[in-house]
Structure formats: C-alpha cells, structure tokens
Amino acid sequence: MTKIAVTLEELKQHLRVEHDADDALIQSYGLAATEFAEQVCDREIVKDTDPRAVCTSIDDVPDSIKTWIKLYVTDLYERRSITEGQDSKIRHYDHLLDRFIIYDRVLEHL
C-alpha cells in the first residue's frame, strides 16, 4: 500500500489553503501524486514492502520528490473542475524525478 510522501500540512501550505474544507480532497490528491511518482520511478517512495524504495520514512523524502508531488497536487487542485477533452497541460517539472527512476527493470525483461 502506498504511503503518502508529503504531509497534508505541507500540501496546504504549498497551495496556500488555510481552511479545512478541502482536507480530504487535498489528501487524496497527495496520495494520487505519490502513487504516480512511484509508477514513474518504478519503486516505492516511502518504503512499505519494496526493498528498492527511495527512503524509509516520510521525513527522509528528497526535496525534489516532495516538490514534484506538491506541483502535481497543485495541478490537480487548480484544475479539478476541468472535464475530459480539454488540452492536457505539459508538466515542466517531471525532470525532478529523473534521478530516482529505475530503468534496469526494463532490461530484466529483454
């Protein structure tokens, strides 16, 4: 099970949200962003069962991963009312995950 890699407080501070009305929504976006980062990197961010996890605790998550998650959550939060069919936004911050991506799993299947 994915462990969220950024606290709700950090996400709210980044979003400049001072109320509690959207806490559940922001928390779900944080989890979704963490899951997507794990998919991109092909490993867990915060260790649960993956021996190749980036770190063992939320306190040890590298700043570049936290920044990527905050920016991704910002995209989700600010664009939450957009429906399908609209142009997708290019994320210019995806390179923040580059050094954490494991590529050798592709080679294992060749």
Protein backbone atom coordinates (compact mmCIF):
# COMPACT_ATOMS: atom_id res chain seq x y z
CA MET A 1 0.00 0.00 0.00
CA THR A 2 1.34 3.40 -0.96
CA LYS A 3 2.41 5.69 1.86
CA ILE A 4 1.88 9.38 1.14
CA ALA A 5 5.21 11.16 0.73
CA VAL A 6 4.16 14.71 1.70
CA THR A 7 2.13 15.73 4.74
CA LEU A 8 -1.26 17.38 4.44
CA GLU A 9 0.17 20.45 6.20
CA GLU A 10 2.95 20.76 3.60
CA LEU A 11 0.45 20.42 0.75
CA LYS A 12 -1.91 23.02 2.23
CA GLN A 13 0.96 25.44 2.81
CA HIS A 14 2.11 24.99 -0.80
CA LEU A 15 -1.45 25.51 -2.06
CA ARG A 16 -1.96 28.43 0.32
CA VAL A 17 -5.10 26.81 1.69
CA GLU A 18 -5.93 27.93 5.22
CA HIS A 19 -9.32 26.24 5.69
CA ASP A 20 -10.10 22.58 6.43
CA ALA A 21 -12.96 22.16 3.93
CA ASP A 22 -10.75 20.56 1.26
CA ASP A 23 -8.53 18.44 3.53
CA ALA A 24 -9.86 15.09 2.31
CA LEU A 25 -9.57 16.19 -1.32
CA ILE A 26 -6.03 17.51 -0.88
CA GLN A 27 -5.03 14.33 0.98
CA SER A 28 -6.42 12.18 -1.85
CA TYR A 29 -4.52 14.25 -4.41
CA GLY A 30 -1.35 13.81 -2.35
CA LEU A 31 -1.80 10.07 -2.34
CA ALA A 32 -2.57 10.00 -6.07
CA ALA A 33 0.53 12.10 -6.79
CA THR A 34 2.66 9.78 -4.65
CA GLU A 35 1.26 6.74 -6.48
CA PHE A 36 2.02 8.34 -9.83
CA ALA A 37 5.57 9.22 -8.74
CA GLU A 38 6.02 5.58 -7.72
CA GLN A 39 4.76 4.44 -11.11
CA VAL A 40 7.18 6.77 -12.89
CA CYS A 41 10.12 5.74 -10.70
CA ASP A 42 9.13 2.05 -10.73
CA ARG A 43 9.56 1.80 -6.96
CA GLU A 44 8.01 2.96 -3.71
CA ILE A 45 8.88 6.42 -2.48
CA VAL A 46 8.39 5.67 1.23
CA LYS A 47 9.20 2.04 2.00
CA ASP A 48 6.37 -0.35 2.74
CA THR A 49 7.42 -3.60 1.06
CA ASP A 50 9.75 -2.55 -1.77
CA PRO A 51 13.44 -3.11 -0.95
CA ARG A 52 14.34 -0.56 -3.65
CA ALA A 53 12.23 2.22 -2.08
CA VAL A 54 13.70 5.70 -2.18
CA CYS A 55 13.52 6.15 1.61
CA THR A 56 12.20 4.56 4.79
CA SER A 57 10.24 7.48 6.25
CA ILE A 58 8.26 10.50 5.13
CA ASP A 59 10.88 12.57 6.95
CA ASP A 60 13.56 11.34 4.52
CA VAL A 61 11.74 12.03 1.23
CA PRO A 62 14.12 14.02 -1.00
CA ASP A 63 13.13 17.63 -1.62
CA SER A 64 12.93 17.12 -5.39
CA ILE A 65 10.31 14.37 -4.96
CA LYS A 66 8.36 16.45 -2.45
CA THR A 67 8.47 19.39 -4.84
CA TRP A 68 7.24 17.22 -7.74
CA ILE A 69 4.36 15.93 -5.61
CA LYS A 70 3.41 19.45 -4.48
CA LEU A 71 3.42 20.73 -8.05
CA TYR A 72 1.40 17.75 -9.28
CA VAL A 73 -1.13 18.25 -6.47
CA THR A 74 -1.33 21.93 -7.43
CA ASP A 75 -2.21 20.91 -11.00
CA LEU A 76 -4.91 18.52 -9.74
CA TYR A 77 -6.33 21.00 -7.23
CA GLU A 78 -6.40 24.01 -9.53
CA ARG A 79 -7.78 22.06 -12.48
CA ARG A 80 -10.26 19.85 -10.58
CA SER A 81 -13.27 21.16 -12.49
CA ILE A 82 -11.85 20.61 -15.98
CA THR A 83 -13.58 17.85 -17.89
CA GLU A 84 -12.14 15.41 -20.42
CA GLY A 85 -11.46 16.59 -23.91
CA GLN A 86 -9.52 19.68 -22.99
CA ASP A 87 -5.86 20.09 -23.82
CA SER A 88 -3.64 18.46 -21.24
CA LYS A 89 -1.07 20.60 -19.55
CA ILE A 90 2.60 19.82 -20.10
CA ARG A 91 4.36 19.37 -16.76
CA HIS A 92 7.73 21.09 -16.96
CA TYR A 93 8.72 19.72 -13.56
CA ASP A 94 8.75 16.00 -14.41
CA HIS A 95 12.56 16.07 -14.60
CA LEU A 96 12.60 16.36 -10.80
CA LEU A 97 12.01 12.59 -10.63
CA ASP A 98 14.68 11.62 -13.17
CA ARG A 99 17.42 10.61 -10.76
CA PHE A 100 15.04 8.31 -8.85
CA ILE A 101 13.76 6.33 -11.85
CA ILE A 102 14.87 2.73 -12.04
CA TYR A 103 15.43 1.76 -15.65
CA ASP A 104 17.01 -1.69 -15.25
CA ARG A 105 13.66 -3.43 -14.76
CA VAL A 106 13.04 -2.89 -18.47
CA LEU A 107 16.29 -4.68 -19.20
CA GLU A 108 15.30 -7.62 -16.99
CA HIS A 109 12.51 -8.48 -19.45
CA LEU A 110 14.70 -8.43 -22.59
